[in-house]
PDB file of N, CA and C in Angstrom:
ATOM      1  N   MET A   1      43.462 268.048 195.771  1.00  0.00           N
ATOM      2  CA  MET A   1      44.197 267.079 195.006  1.00  0.00           C
ATOM      3  C   MET A   1      43.690 265.828 194.925  1.00  0.00           C
ATOM      4  N   ASP A   2      42.979 265.161 196.525  1.00  0.00           N
ATOM      5  CA  ASP A   2      42.615 264.067 196.382  1.00  0.00           C
ATOM      6  C   ASP A   2      41.634 263.773 195.429  1.00  0.00           C
ATOM      7  N   LEU A   3      40.563 264.727 195.496  1.00  0.00           N
ATOM      8  CA  LEU A   3      39.519 264.551 194.553  1.00  0.00           C
ATOM      9  C   LEU A   3      39.943 264.433 193.077  1.00  0.00           C
ATOM     10  N   ILE A   4      40.853 264.973 192.629  1.00  0.00           N
ATOM     11  CA  ILE A   4      41.478 265.298 191.261  1.00  0.00           C
ATOM     12  C   ILE A   4      42.013 263.727 191.051  1.00  0.00           C
ATOM     13  N   PHE A   5      42.747 263.116 191.880  1.00  0.00           N
ATOM     14  CA  PHE A   5      43.233 261.932 191.761  1.00  0.00           C
ATOM     15  C   PHE A   5      41.885 260.785 191.860  1.00  0.00           C
ATOM     16  N   VAL A   6      41.125 260.799 192.538  1.00  0.00           N
ATOM     17  CA  VAL A   6      39.986 259.844 192.465  1.00  0.00           C
ATOM     18  C   VAL A   6      39.256 260.058 191.388  1.00  0.00           C
ATOM     19  N   GLY A   7      39.026 261.452 190.485  1.00  0.00           N
ATOM     20  CA  GLY A   7      38.468 261.631 189.638  1.00  0.00           C
ATOM     21  C   GLY A   7      39.549 260.893 188.402  1.00  0.00           C
ATOM     22  N   PHE A   8      40.640 260.949 188.458  1.00  0.00           N
ATOM     23  CA  PHE A   8      41.433 260.353 187.532  1.00  0.00           C
ATOM     24  C   PHE A   8      41.466 258.655 187.605  1.00  0.00           C
ATOM     25  N   LEU A   9      41.490 258.270 188.853  1.00  0.00           N
ATOM     26  CA  LEU A   9      41.406 256.665 189.094  1.00  0.00           C
ATOM     27  C   LEU A   9      39.815 256.189 188.564  1.00  0.00           C
ATOM     28  N   ASN A  10      38.924 256.925 188.632  1.00  0.00           N
ATOM     29  CA  ASN A  10      37.609 256.558 188.113  1.00  0.00           C
ATOM     30  C   ASN A  10      37.299 256.206 186.553  1.00  0.00           C
ATOM     31  N   PHE A  11      38.242 257.414 186.066  1.00  0.00           N
ATOM     32  CA  PHE A  11      38.096 257.538 184.696  1.00  0.00           C
ATOM     33  C   PHE A  11      39.094 256.245 183.930  1.00  0.00           C
ATOM     34  N   ALA A  12      40.243 256.058 184.715  1.00  0.00           N
ATOM     35  CA  ALA A  12      41.175 255.080 184.276  1.00  0.00           C
ATOM     36  C   ALA A  12      40.623 253.632 184.472  1.00  0.00           C
ATOM     37  N   ARG A  13      39.780 253.571 185.433  1.00  0.00           N
ATOM     38  CA  ARG A  13      39.024 252.176 186.044  1.00  0.00           C
ATOM     39  C   ARG A  13      38.353 251.882 185.045  1.00  0.00           C
ATOM     40  N   TYR A  14      37.252 252.913 184.715  1.00  0.00           N
ATOM     41  CA  TYR A  14      36.217 252.659 183.653  1.00  0.00           C
ATOM     42  C   TYR A  14      36.903 252.149 182.516  1.00  0.00           C
ATOM     43  N   HIS A  15      37.904 252.861 181.697  1.00  0.00           N
ATOM     44  CA  HIS A  15      38.430 252.607 180.415  1.00  0.00           C
ATOM     45  C   HIS A  15      39.057 251.318 180.397  1.00  0.00           C
ATOM     46  N   LEU A  16      40.033 250.947 181.385  1.00  0.00           N
ATOM     47  CA  LEU A  16      40.505 249.808 181.819  1.00  0.00           C
ATOM     48  C   LEU A  16      39.674 248.532 181.654  1.00  0.00           C
ATOM     49  N   LEU A  17      38.581 248.599 182.499  1.00  0.00           N
ATOM     50  CA  LEU A  17      37.464 247.687 182.619  1.00  0.00           C
ATOM     51  C   LEU A  17      36.901 247.348 180.844  1.00  0.00           C
ATOM     52  N   GLU A  18      36.630 248.419 180.471  1.00  0.00           N
ATOM     53  CA  GLU A  18      35.998 248.500 179.423  1.00  0.00           C
ATOM     54  C   GLU A  18      37.095 247.581 178.226  1.00  0.00           C
ATOM     55  N   SER A  19      38.169 247.936 178.458  1.00  0.00           N
ATOM     56  CA  SER A  19      39.342 247.173 177.508  1.00  0.00           C
ATOM     57  C   SER A  19      39.466 245.739 177.713  1.00  0.00           C
ATOM     58  N   LEU A  20      39.633 245.465 179.226  1.00  0.00           N
ATOM     59  CA  LEU A  20      39.777 244.033 179.531  1.00  0.00           C
ATOM     60  C   LEU A  20      38.226 243.486 179.028  1.00  0.00           C
ATOM     61  N   LEU A  21      37.408 243.820 179.349  1.00  0.00           N
ATOM     62  CA  LEU A  21      36.211 243.203 178.735  1.00  0.00           C
ATOM     63  C   LEU A  21      35.938 243.154 177.495  1.00  0.00           C
ATOM     64  N   GLY A  22      36.628 243.812 176.912  1.00  0.00           N
ATOM     65  CA  GLY A  22      36.262 243.912 175.168  1.00  0.00           C
ATOM     66  C   GLY A  22      37.395 242.656 174.613  1.00  0.00           C
ATOM     67  N   GLY A  23      38.575 242.426 175.388  1.00  0.00           N
ATOM     68  CA  GLY A  23      39.513 241.921 174.784  1.00  0.00           C
ATOM     69  C   GLY A  23      39.235 240.405 175.324  1.00  0.00           C
ATOM     70  N   TRP A  24      38.422 240.205 176.516  1.00  0.00           N
ATOM     71  CA  TRP A  24      37.993 238.826 176.922  1.00  0.00           C
ATOM     72  C   TRP A  24      36.760 238.420 175.890  1.00  0.00           C
ATOM     73  N   GLU A  25      35.840 239.272 175.584  1.00  0.00           N
ATOM     74  CA  GLU A  25      34.852 238.849 174.526  1.00  0.00           C
ATOM     75  C   GLU A  25      35.418 238.621 173.399  1.00  0.00           C
ATOM     76  N   LYS A  26      36.219 239.358 172.756  1.00  0.00           N
ATOM     77  CA  LYS A  26      36.794 238.747 171.360  1.00  0.00           C
ATOM     78  C   LYS A  26      37.518 237.567 171.672  1.00  0.00           C
ATOM     79  N   ASP A  27      38.209 237.448 172.760  1.00  0.00           N
ATOM     80  CA  ASP A  27      38.997 236.097 172.597  1.00  0.00           C
ATOM     81  C   ASP A  27      38.007 234.860 172.565  1.00  0.00           C
ATOM     82  N   VAL A  28      36.896 235.034 173.722  1.00  0.00           N
ATOM     83  CA  VAL A  28      35.873 233.852 173.934  1.00  0.00           C
ATOM     84  C   VAL A  28      35.174 233.666 172.544  1.00  0.00           C
ATOM     85  N   ARG A  29      34.879 234.698 171.889  1.00  0.00           N
ATOM     86  CA  ARG A  29      34.489 234.477 170.350  1.00  0.00           C
ATOM     87  C   ARG A  29      35.269 233.453 169.627  1.00  0.00           C
ATOM     88  N   VAL A  30      36.725 233.915 169.596  1.00  0.00           N
ATOM     89  CA  VAL A  30      37.568 233.209 168.865  1.00  0.00           C
ATOM     90  C   VAL A  30      37.826 232.008 169.336  1.00  0.00           C
ATOM     91  N   PHE A  31      37.545 231.476 170.675  1.00  0.00           N
ATOM     92  CA  PHE A  31      37.746 230.314 171.506  1.00  0.00           C
ATOM     93  C   PHE A  31      36.630 229.350 171.002  1.00  0.00           C
ATOM     94  N   TYR A  32      35.477 229.984 170.982  1.00  0.00           N
ATOM     95  CA  TYR A  32      34.121 229.062 170.643  1.00  0.00           C
ATOM     96  C   TYR A  32      34.083 228.786 169.001  1.00  0.00           C
ATOM     97  N   SER A  33      34.806 229.556 168.570  1.00  0.00           N
ATOM     98  CA  SER A  33      34.978 229.303 166.942  1.00  0.00           C
ATOM     99  C   SER A  33      35.818 228.162 166.696  1.00  0.00           C
ATOM    100  N   GLY A  34      36.554 227.648 167.635  1.00  0.00           N
ATOM    101  CA  GLY A  34      37.720 226.762 167.541  1.00  0.00           C
ATOM    102  C   GLY A  34      38.955 227.218 167.263  1.00  0.00           C
ATOM    103  N   ASN A  35      39.333 228.070 166.889  1.00  0.00           N
ATOM    104  CA  ASN A  35      40.470 228.594 166.722  1.00  0.00           C
ATOM    105  C   ASN A  35      41.515 229.273 167.563  1.00  0.00           C
ATOM    106  N   LEU A  36      41.101 228.778 168.854  1.00  0.00           N
ATOM    107  CA  LEU A  36      41.927 228.943 170.271  1.00  0.00           C
ATOM    108  C   LEU A  36      41.639 228.337 171.282  1.00  0.00           C
ATOM    109  N   GLU A  37      43.035 227.726 171.715  1.00  0.00           N
ATOM    110  CA  GLU A  37      42.708 226.568 172.932  1.00  0.00           C
ATOM    111  C   GLU A  37      42.525 227.407 174.170  1.00  0.00           C
ATOM    112  N   PHE A  38      42.209 226.646 175.167  1.00  0.00           N
ATOM    113  CA  PHE A  38      41.596 227.134 176.369  1.00  0.00           C
ATOM    114  C   PHE A  38      42.847 228.017 177.105  1.00  0.00           C
ATOM    115  N   ASP A  39      43.923 227.102 176.938  1.00  0.00           N
ATOM    116  CA  ASP A  39      45.117 227.560 177.593  1.00  0.00           C
ATOM    117  C   ASP A  39      45.530 228.894 177.381  1.00  0.00           C
ATOM    118  N   ASP A  40      45.504 229.107 175.954  1.00  0.00           N
ATOM    119  CA  ASP A  40      46.046 230.331 175.279  1.00  0.00           C
ATOM    120  C   ASP A  40      44.944 231.420 175.729  1.00  0.00           C
ATOM    121  N   LEU A  41      43.688 231.221 175.750  1.00  0.00           N
ATOM    122  CA  LEU A  41      42.501 232.055 176.135  1.00  0.00           C
ATOM    123  C   LEU A  41      42.822 232.815 177.609  1.00  0.00           C
ATOM    124  N   ILE A  42      43.345 231.777 178.409  1.00  0.00           N
ATOM    125  CA  ILE A  42      43.600 232.302 179.850  1.00  0.00           C
ATOM    126  C   ILE A  42      44.988 233.074 179.782  1.00  0.00           C
ATOM    127  N   ALA A  43      46.037 232.403 178.936  1.00  0.00           N
ATOM    128  CA  ALA A  43      47.589 233.277 178.790  1.00  0.00           C
ATOM    129  C   ALA A  43      46.956 234.802 178.285  1.00  0.00           C
ATOM    130  N   ARG A  44      46.304 234.801 177.368  1.00  0.00           N
ATOM    131  CA  ARG A  44      45.906 236.071 176.758  1.00  0.00           C
ATOM    132  C   ARG A  44      45.277 236.888 177.822  1.00  0.00           C
ATOM    133  N   ASP A  45      44.424 236.608 178.406  1.00  0.00           N
ATOM    134  CA  ASP A  45      43.537 237.341 179.706  1.00  0.00           C
ATOM    135  C   ASP A  45      45.032 237.643 180.594  1.00  0.00           C
ATOM    136  N   ASP A  46      45.503 236.811 181.093  1.00  0.00           N
ATOM    137  CA  ASP A  46      46.510 236.977 182.012  1.00  0.00           C
ATOM    138  C   ASP A  46      47.856 238.049 181.771  1.00  0.00           C
ATOM    139  N   LYS A  47      47.830 238.105 180.448  1.00  0.00           N
ATOM    140  CA  LYS A  47      48.872 239.288 179.777  1.00  0.00           C
ATOM    141  C   LYS A  47      48.075 240.438 179.894  1.00  0.00           C
ATOM    142  N   ARG A  48      46.637 240.726 179.581  1.00  0.00           N
ATOM    143  CA  ARG A  48      46.065 241.716 179.643  1.00  0.00           C
ATOM    144  C   ARG A  48      46.107 242.336 181.030  1.00  0.00           C
ATOM    145  N   ILE A  49      45.919 241.467 181.973  1.00  0.00           N
ATOM    146  CA  ILE A  49      45.487 242.050 183.198  1.00  0.00           C
ATOM    147  C   ILE A  49      46.955 242.322 183.745  1.00  0.00           C
ATOM    148  N   ALA A  50      48.093 241.940 183.296  1.00  0.00           N
ATOM    149  CA  ALA A  50      49.255 242.299 184.065  1.00  0.00           C
ATOM    150  C   ALA A  50      49.563 243.702 183.536  1.00  0.00           C
ATOM    151  N   LYS A  51      49.133 244.177 182.205  1.00  0.00           N
ATOM    152  CA  LYS A  51      49.372 245.639 181.909  1.00  0.00           C
ATOM    153  C   LYS A  51      48.704 246.512 182.704  1.00  0.00           C
ATOM    154  N   SER A  52      47.504 245.990 183.560  1.00  0.00           N
ATOM    155  CA  SER A  52      46.436 246.986 184.171  1.00  0.00           C
ATOM    156  C   SER A  52      47.056 247.236 185.408  1.00  0.00           C
ATOM    157  N   SER A  53      48.252 246.878 186.098  1.00  0.00           N
ATOM    158  CA  SER A  53      48.564 247.202 187.473  1.00  0.00           C
ATOM    159  C   SER A  53      49.084 248.753 187.731  1.00  0.00           C
ATOM    160  N   TRP A  54      48.966 249.485 186.685  1.00  0.00           N
ATOM    161  CA  TRP A  54      49.501 250.754 187.185  1.00  0.00           C
ATOM    162  C   TRP A  54      48.314 251.652 187.497  1.00  0.00           C
ATOM    163  N   THR A  55      46.877 251.010 187.723  1.00  0.00           N
ATOM    164  CA  THR A  55      45.879 251.984 188.187  1.00  0.00           C
ATOM    165  C   THR A  55      45.800 251.932 189.807  1.00  0.00           C
ATOM    166  N   ALA A  56      46.476 250.719 190.417  1.00  0.00           N
ATOM    167  CA  ALA A  56      46.488 250.798 191.840  1.00  0.00           C
ATOM    168  C   ALA A  56      47.529 252.107 192.079  1.00  0.00           C
ATOM    169  N   TYR A  57      48.180 252.634 191.668  1.00  0.00           N
ATOM    170  CA  TYR A  57      49.385 253.760 191.751  1.00  0.00           C
ATOM    171  C   TYR A  57      48.575 254.877 192.069  1.00  0.00           C
ATOM    172  N   LEU A  58      47.462 255.162 191.202  1.00  0.00           N
ATOM    173  CA  LEU A  58      46.457 256.102 191.169  1.00  0.00           C
ATOM    174  C   LEU A  58      45.716 256.232 192.537  1.00  0.00           C
ATOM    175  N   ALA A  59      45.148 255.000 193.061  1.00  0.00           N
ATOM    176  CA  ALA A  59      44.938 254.892 194.113  1.00  0.00           C
ATOM    177  C   ALA A  59      45.411 254.970 195.383  1.00  0.00           C
ATOM    178  N   TYR A  60      46.812 254.726 195.251  1.00  0.00           N
ATOM    179  CA  TYR A  60      47.523 254.860 196.578  1.00  0.00           C
ATOM    180  C   TYR A  60      48.070 256.607 196.603  1.00  0.00           C
ATOM    181  N   VAL A  61      48.474 257.197 195.070  1.00  0.00           N
ATOM    182  CA  VAL A  61      48.399 258.360 195.388  1.00  0.00           C
ATOM    183  C   VAL A  61      47.320 259.055 196.176  1.00  0.00           C
ATOM    184  N   SER A  62      46.140 258.911 195.568  1.00  0.00           N
ATOM    185  CA  SER A  62      44.818 259.489 196.236  1.00  0.00           C
ATOM    186  C   SER A  62      44.733 259.404 197.608  1.00  0.00           C
ATOM    187  N   PHE A  63      45.165 258.143 198.222  1.00  0.00           N
ATOM    188  CA  PHE A  63      45.136 257.865 199.411  1.00  0.00           C
ATOM    189  C   PHE A  63      46.093 258.874 200.536  1.00  0.00           C
ATOM    190  N   ILE A  64      47.377 258.797 199.688  1.00  0.00           N
ATOM    191  CA  ILE A  64      48.480 259.818 200.421  1.00  0.00           C
ATOM    192  C   ILE A  64      48.191 261.242 200.398  1.00  0.00           C
ATOM    193  N   CYS A  65      47.335 261.584 199.307  1.00  0.00           N
ATOM    194  CA  CYS A  65      47.007 262.945 199.331  1.00  0.00           C
ATOM    195  C   CYS A  65      45.728 263.179 200.311  1.00  0.00           C
ATOM    196  N   PHE A  66      44.979 262.345 200.858  1.00  0.00           N
ATOM    197  CA  PHE A  66      44.030 262.525 201.579  1.00  0.00           C
ATOM    198  C   PHE A  66      44.518 262.640 203.075  1.00  0.00           C
ATOM    199  N   ILE A  67      45.637 261.674 203.389  1.00  0.00           N
ATOM    200  CA  ILE A  67      46.218 261.482 204.644  1.00  0.00           C
ATOM    201  C   ILE A  67      47.085 262.768 204.828  1.00  0.00           C
ATOM    202  N   ALA A  68      48.059 263.182 203.578  1.00  0.00           N
ATOM    203  CA  ALA A  68      48.555 264.589 204.024  1.00  0.00           C
ATOM    204  C   ALA A  68      47.368 265.813 204.249  1.00  0.00           C
ATOM    205  N   GLY A  69      46.551 265.903 203.545  1.00  0.00           N
ATOM    206  CA  GLY A  69      45.654 266.731 203.699  1.00  0.00           C
ATOM    207  C   GLY A  69      44.881 266.872 204.998  1.00  0.00           C
ATOM    208  N   GLY A  70      44.933 265.734 205.809  1.00  0.00           N
ATOM    209  CA  GLY A  70      44.405 265.467 207.103  1.00  0.00           C
ATOM    210  C   GLY A  70      45.420 266.131 207.951  1.00  0.00           C
ATOM    211  N   VAL A  71      46.668 265.714 207.584  1.00  0.00           N
ATOM    212  CA  VAL A  71      47.788 266.095 208.509  1.00  0.00           C
ATOM    213  C   VAL A  71      47.823 267.771 208.572  1.00  0.00           C
ATOM    214  N   VAL A  72      47.947 268.181 207.377  1.00  0.00           N
ATOM    215  CA  VAL A  72      48.144 269.753 207.298  1.00  0.00           C
ATOM    216  C   VAL A  72      46.884 270.363 208.055  1.00  0.00           C
ATOM    217  N   GLY A  73      45.575 269.972 207.856  1.00  0.00           N
ATOM    218  CA  GLY A  73      44.412 270.415 208.171  1.00  0.00           C
ATOM    219  C   GLY A  73      44.517 270.363 209.841  1.00  0.00           C
ATOM    220  N   PHE A  74      44.666 269.060 210.339  1.00  0.00           N
ATOM    221  CA  PHE A  74      45.062 269.054 211.686  1.00  0.00           C
ATOM    222  C   PHE A  74      46.197 270.088 212.381  1.00  0.00           C
ATOM    223  N   SER A  75      47.034 270.028 211.965  1.00  0.00           N
ATOM    224  CA  SER A  75      48.260 271.146 212.373  1.00  0.00           C
ATOM    225  C   SER A  75      47.996 272.394 212.432  1.00  0.00           C
ATOM    226  N   ASN A  76      47.069 272.895 211.388  1.00  0.00           N
ATOM    227  CA  ASN A  76      46.785 274.233 211.376  1.00  0.00           C
ATOM    228  C   ASN A  76      45.508 274.640 212.238  1.00  0.00           C
ATOM    229  N   TYR A  77      44.897 273.575 212.557  1.00  0.00           N
ATOM    230  CA  TYR A  77      43.639 273.562 213.869  1.00  0.00           C
ATOM    231  C   TYR A  77      44.348 273.593 215.243  1.00  0.00           C
ATOM    232  N   LYS A  78      45.512 272.904 215.162  1.00  0.00           N
ATOM    233  CA  LYS A  78      46.198 273.076 216.555  1.00  0.00           C
ATOM    234  C   LYS A  78      46.535 274.193 216.738  1.00  0.00           C
ATOM    235  N   GLU A  79      47.322 274.937 215.629  1.00  0.00           N
ATOM    236  CA  GLU A  79      47.551 276.416 215.670  1.00  0.00           C
ATOM    237  C   GLU A  79      46.310 277.184 216.254  1.00  0.00           C
ATOM    238  N   PHE A  80      45.449 276.813 215.366  1.00  0.00           N
ATOM    239  CA  PHE A  80      43.923 277.851 215.718  1.00  0.00           C
ATOM    240  C   PHE A  80      43.509 277.721 217.050  1.00  0.00           C
ATOM    241  N   ILE A  81      43.330 276.511 217.555  1.00  0.00           N
ATOM    242  CA  ILE A  81      43.092 276.354 218.920  1.00  0.00           C
ATOM    243  C   ILE A  81      44.066 277.025 219.973  1.00  0.00           C
ATOM    244  N   LYS A  82      45.592 276.946 219.782  1.00  0.00           N
ATOM    245  CA  LYS A  82      46.787 277.377 220.755  1.00  0.00           C
ATOM    246  C   LYS A  82      46.167 278.922 220.862  1.00  0.00           C
ATOM    247  N   GLY A  83      45.948 279.843 219.519  1.00  0.00           N
ATOM    248  CA  GLY A  83      45.962 281.091 219.671  1.00  0.00           C
ATOM    249  C   GLY A  83      46.766 281.593 218.990  1.00  0.00           C
ATOM    250  N   ASN A  84      47.044 281.536 217.657  1.00  0.00           N
ATOM    251  CA  ASN A  84      48.309 282.023 216.992  1.00  0.00           C
ATOM    252  C   ASN A  84      48.540 283.476 217.056  1.00  0.00           C
ATOM    253  N   SER A  85      49.659 283.889 217.553  1.00  0.00           N
ATOM    254  CA  SER A  85      49.666 285.389 218.069  1.00  0.00           C
ATOM    255  C   SER A  85      49.425 286.499 217.079  1.00  0.00           C
ATOM    256  N   LYS A  86      49.690 285.777 215.749  1.00  0.00           N
ATOM    257  CA  LYS A  86      49.712 286.475 214.194  1.00  0.00           C
ATOM    258  C   LYS A  86      48.118 286.845 214.163  1.00  0.00           C
ATOM    259  N   MET A  87      47.456 285.705 214.381  1.00  0.00           N
ATOM    260  CA  MET A  87      46.131 285.669 213.915  1.00  0.00           C
ATOM    261  C   MET A  87      45.363 286.669 214.988  1.00  0.00           C
ATOM    262  N   ILE A  88      45.829 286.491 216.257  1.00  0.00           N
ATOM    263  CA  ILE A  88      45.168 287.411 217.189  1.00  0.00           C
ATOM    264  C   ILE A  88      45.659 288.648 216.919  1.00  0.00           C
ATOM    265  N   GLN A  89      46.603 289.271 216.642  1.00  0.00           N
ATOM    266  CA  GLN A  89      46.974 290.451 216.309  1.00  0.00           C
ATOM    267  C   GLN A  89      46.020 291.029 215.136  1.00  0.00           C
ATOM    268  N   LYS A  90      46.001 290.283 213.989  1.00  0.00           N
ATOM    269  CA  LYS A  90      45.292 290.714 212.944  1.00  0.00           C
ATOM    270  C   LYS A  90      43.741 290.940 213.194  1.00  0.00           C
ATOM    271  N   SER A  91      43.363 290.320 214.253  1.00  0.00           N
ATOM    272  CA  SER A  91      41.935 290.055 214.325  1.00  0.00           C
ATOM    273  C   SER A  91      41.773 291.712 215.298  1.00  0.00           C
ATOM    274  N   ILE A  92      42.722 292.106 216.202  1.00  0.00           N
ATOM    275  CA  ILE A  92      42.435 292.808 217.065  1.00  0.00           C
ATOM    276  C   ILE A  92      42.610 294.314 216.076  1.00  0.00           C
ATOM    277  N   SER A  93      43.695 294.430 215.271  1.00  0.00           N
ATOM    278  CA  SER A  93      43.660 295.354 214.419  1.00  0.00           C
ATOM    279  C   SER A  93      42.706 295.618 213.472  1.00  0.00           C
ATOM    280  N   VAL A  94      41.623 294.493 213.162  1.00  0.00           N
ATOM    281  CA  VAL A  94      40.751 294.544 212.231  1.00  0.00           C
ATOM    282  C   VAL A  94      39.433 295.434 213.192  1.00  0.00           C
ATOM    283  N   ARG A  95      39.294 294.816 214.490  1.00  0.00           N
ATOM    284  CA  ARG A  95      38.471 295.326 215.228  1.00  0.00           C
ATOM    285  C   ARG A  95      38.646 297.148 215.552  1.00  0.00           C
ATOM    286  N   ASN A  96      39.946 297.145 215.877  1.00  0.00           N
ATOM    287  CA  ASN A  96      40.426 298.778 216.034  1.00  0.00           C
ATOM    288  C   ASN A  96      40.033 299.565 214.696  1.00  0.00           C
ATOM    289  N   GLN A  97      40.021 298.628 213.710  1.00  0.00           N
ATOM    290  CA  GLN A  97      39.854 299.774 212.467  1.00  0.00           C
ATOM    291  C   GLN A  97      38.338 299.956 212.255  1.00  0.00           C
ATOM    292  N   ILE A  98      37.525 299.106 212.690  1.00  0.00           N
ATOM    293  CA  ILE A  98      35.880 299.064 212.850  1.00  0.00           C
ATOM    294  C   ILE A  98      35.684 300.118 213.654  1.00  0.00           C
ATOM    295  N   LYS A  99      36.405 300.097 214.700  1.00  0.00           N
ATOM    296  CA  LYS A  99      35.864 301.393 215.864  1.00  0.00           C
ATOM    297  C   LYS A  99      36.269 302.557 215.154  1.00  0.00           C
ATOM    298  N   THR A 100      37.633 302.622 214.692  1.00  0.00           N
ATOM    299  CA  THR A 100      37.590 304.093 214.320  1.00  0.00           C
ATOM    300  C   THR A 100      37.191 304.541 213.317  1.00  0.00           C
ATOM    301  N   GLN A 101      36.235 303.770 212.236  1.00  0.00           N
ATOM    302  CA  GLN A 101      35.384 304.308 211.385  1.00  0.00           C
ATOM    303  C   GLN A 101      34.195 305.202 211.746  1.00  0.00           C
ATOM    304  N   SER A 102      33.989 306.278 211.116  1.00  0.00           N
ATOM    305  CA  SER A 102      32.708 307.222 211.440  1.00  0.00           C
ATOM    306  C   SER A 102      31.616 306.295 211.233  1.00  0.00           C
ATOM    307  N   PRO A 103      30.600 306.862 211.848  1.00  0.00           N
ATOM    308  CA  PRO A 103      29.302 305.723 211.967  1.00  0.00           C
ATOM    309  C   PRO A 103      28.536 305.611 210.693  1.00  0.00           C
ATOM    310  N   GLY A 104      28.923 306.856 209.413  1.00  0.00           N
ATOM    311  CA  GLY A 104      28.327 306.640 208.411  1.00  0.00           C
ATOM    312  C   GLY A 104      28.851 305.469 207.500  1.00  0.00           C
ATOM    313  N   GLN A 105      30.465 305.231 207.744  1.00  0.00           N
ATOM    314  CA  GLN A 105      31.030 304.423 206.991  1.00  0.00           C
ATOM    315  C   GLN A 105      30.690 302.685 207.619  1.00  0.00           C
ATOM    316  N   LYS A 106      30.263 302.732 208.782  1.00  0.00           N
ATOM    317  CA  LYS A 106      30.092 301.472 209.319  1.00  0.00           C
ATOM    318  C   LYS A 106      28.792 300.981 208.631  1.00  0.00           C
ATOM    319  N   ASP A 107      27.618 301.528 208.763  1.00  0.00           N
ATOM    320  CA  ASP A 107      26.325 301.129 208.119  1.00  0.00           C
ATOM    321  C   ASP A 107      26.962 301.241 206.505  1.00  0.00           C
ATOM    322  N   HIS A 108      27.319 300.507 205.891  1.00  0.00           N
ATOM    323  CA  HIS A 108      27.352 300.421 204.271  1.00  0.00           C
ATOM    324  C   HIS A 108      26.281 299.920 203.550  1.00  0.00           C
ATOM    325  N   VAL A 109      25.250 299.356 204.481  1.00  0.00           N
ATOM    326  CA  VAL A 109      24.122 298.734 203.807  1.00  0.00           C
ATOM    327  C   VAL A 109      22.993 299.809 203.909  1.00  0.00           C
ATOM    328  N   PRO A 110      22.666 300.168 202.984  1.00  0.00           N
ATOM    329  CA  PRO A 110      21.373 301.736 202.813  1.00  0.00           C
ATOM    330  C   PRO A 110      20.287 300.910 203.510  1.00  0.00           C
ATOM    331  N   LYS A 111      19.722 301.714 204.494  1.00  0.00           N
ATOM    332  CA  LYS A 111      18.586 301.660 205.485  1.00  0.00           C
ATOM    333  C   LYS A 111      17.291 301.917 204.422  1.00  0.00           C
ATOM    334  N   MET A 112      16.316 300.922 204.508  1.00  0.00           N
ATOM    335  CA  MET A 112      15.021 301.360 203.979  1.00  0.00           C
ATOM    336  C   MET A 112      14.054 302.325 204.558  1.00  0.00           C
ATOM    337  N   PRO A 113      13.503 303.002 204.032  1.00  0.00           N
ATOM    338  CA  PRO A 113      12.765 304.141 204.727  1.00  0.00           C
ATOM    339  C   PRO A 113      11.715 303.444 205.282  1.00  0.00           C
ATOM    340  N   PRO A 114      11.332 304.077 206.640  1.00  0.00           N
ATOM    341  CA  PRO A 114      10.225 303.294 207.460  1.00  0.00           C
ATOM    342  C   PRO A 114       8.725 303.337 206.492  1.00  0.00           C
ATOM    343  N   THR A 115       7.782 302.624 206.739  1.00  0.00           N
ATOM    344  CA  THR A 115       7.006 302.267 205.919  1.00  0.00           C
ATOM    345  C   THR A 115       5.613 302.736 206.726  1.00  0.00           C
ATOM    346  N   PRO A 116       4.515 303.540 206.159  1.00  0.00           N
ATOM    347  CA  PRO A 116       3.477 303.885 207.280  1.00  0.00           C
ATOM    348  C   PRO A 116       2.814 302.575 207.410  1.00  0.00           C
ATOM    349  N   PRO A 117       2.314 302.575 208.819  1.00  0.00           N
ATOM    350  CA  PRO A 117       1.221 301.175 209.010  1.00  0.00           C
ATOM    351  C   PRO A 117       0.314 301.491 208.080  1.00  0.00           C
ATOM    352  N   ASN A 118      -0.367 299.965 208.227  1.00  0.00           N
ATOM    353  CA  ASN A 118      -1.661 299.767 207.518  1.00  0.00           C
ATOM    354  C   ASN A 118      -2.887 300.228 207.769  1.00  0.00           C
ATOM    355  N   PRO A 119      -3.562 300.828 207.052  1.00  0.00           N
ATOM    356  CA  PRO A 119      -4.690 301.416 207.651  1.00  0.00           C
ATOM    357  C   PRO A 119      -5.620 300.543 208.330  1.00  0.00           C
ATOM    358  N   PRO A 120      -6.480 300.886 209.290  1.00  0.00           N
ATOM    359  CA  PRO A 120      -7.320 300.080 210.130  1.00  0.00           C
ATOM    360  C   PRO A 120      -8.402 299.503 209.029  1.00  0.00           C
ATOM    361  N   PRO A 121      -9.260 298.464 209.191  1.00  0.00           N
ATOM    362  CA  PRO A 121     -10.023 297.625 208.279  1.00  0.00           C
ATOM    363  C   PRO A 121     -11.361 298.523 208.219  1.00  0.00           C
ATOM    364  N   PRO A 122     -12.080 298.684 207.512  1.00  0.00           N
ATOM    365  CA  PRO A 122     -13.485 299.312 207.456  1.00  0.00           C
ATOM    366  C   PRO A 122     -14.316 298.651 208.490  1.00  0.00           C
ATOM    367  N   LYS A 123     -15.139 299.628 209.312  1.00  0.00           N
ATOM    368  CA  LYS A 123     -15.781 299.246 210.409  1.00  0.00           C
ATOM    369  C   LYS A 123     -17.327 298.541 209.373  1.00  0.00           C
ATOM    370  N   PRO A 124     -17.793 297.529 209.898  1.00  0.00           N
ATOM    371  CA  PRO A 124     -18.915 297.215 209.451  1.00  0.00           C
ATOM    372  C   PRO A 124     -20.017 297.877 209.520  1.00  0.00           C
ATOM    373  N   SER A 125     -21.024 298.041 208.345  1.00  0.00           N
ATOM    374  CA  SER A 125     -22.054 299.173 208.875  1.00  0.00           C
ATOM    375  C   SER A 125     -23.221 298.333 209.272  1.00  0.00           C
TER     376      SER A 125
END
């Protein structure tokens, strides 16, 4: 999940910055043409930036998923180290099944026929 949210965050950040920069460039052109005051230029930029605070939530959700994944992984690791009885019983039953199989079943990979040895090199005359 964490990787998915990081991907969404990168996607959203790219398009957000593209939008902010495009708006800023447009307003600066209007400012240099003399049709916009400096205070209005800054006010428009502040308004655009205020609308972009939602991307921080994606970053927080991604971080929370990362921490939750670590907690879940660590708790299962502790069970694995302790020796979960269900895991041990399953392992023992799999071993017993392998022992009870006939020798032909155990070797499911076909064996290659033996190759004859290479002939000796010819003796120099």
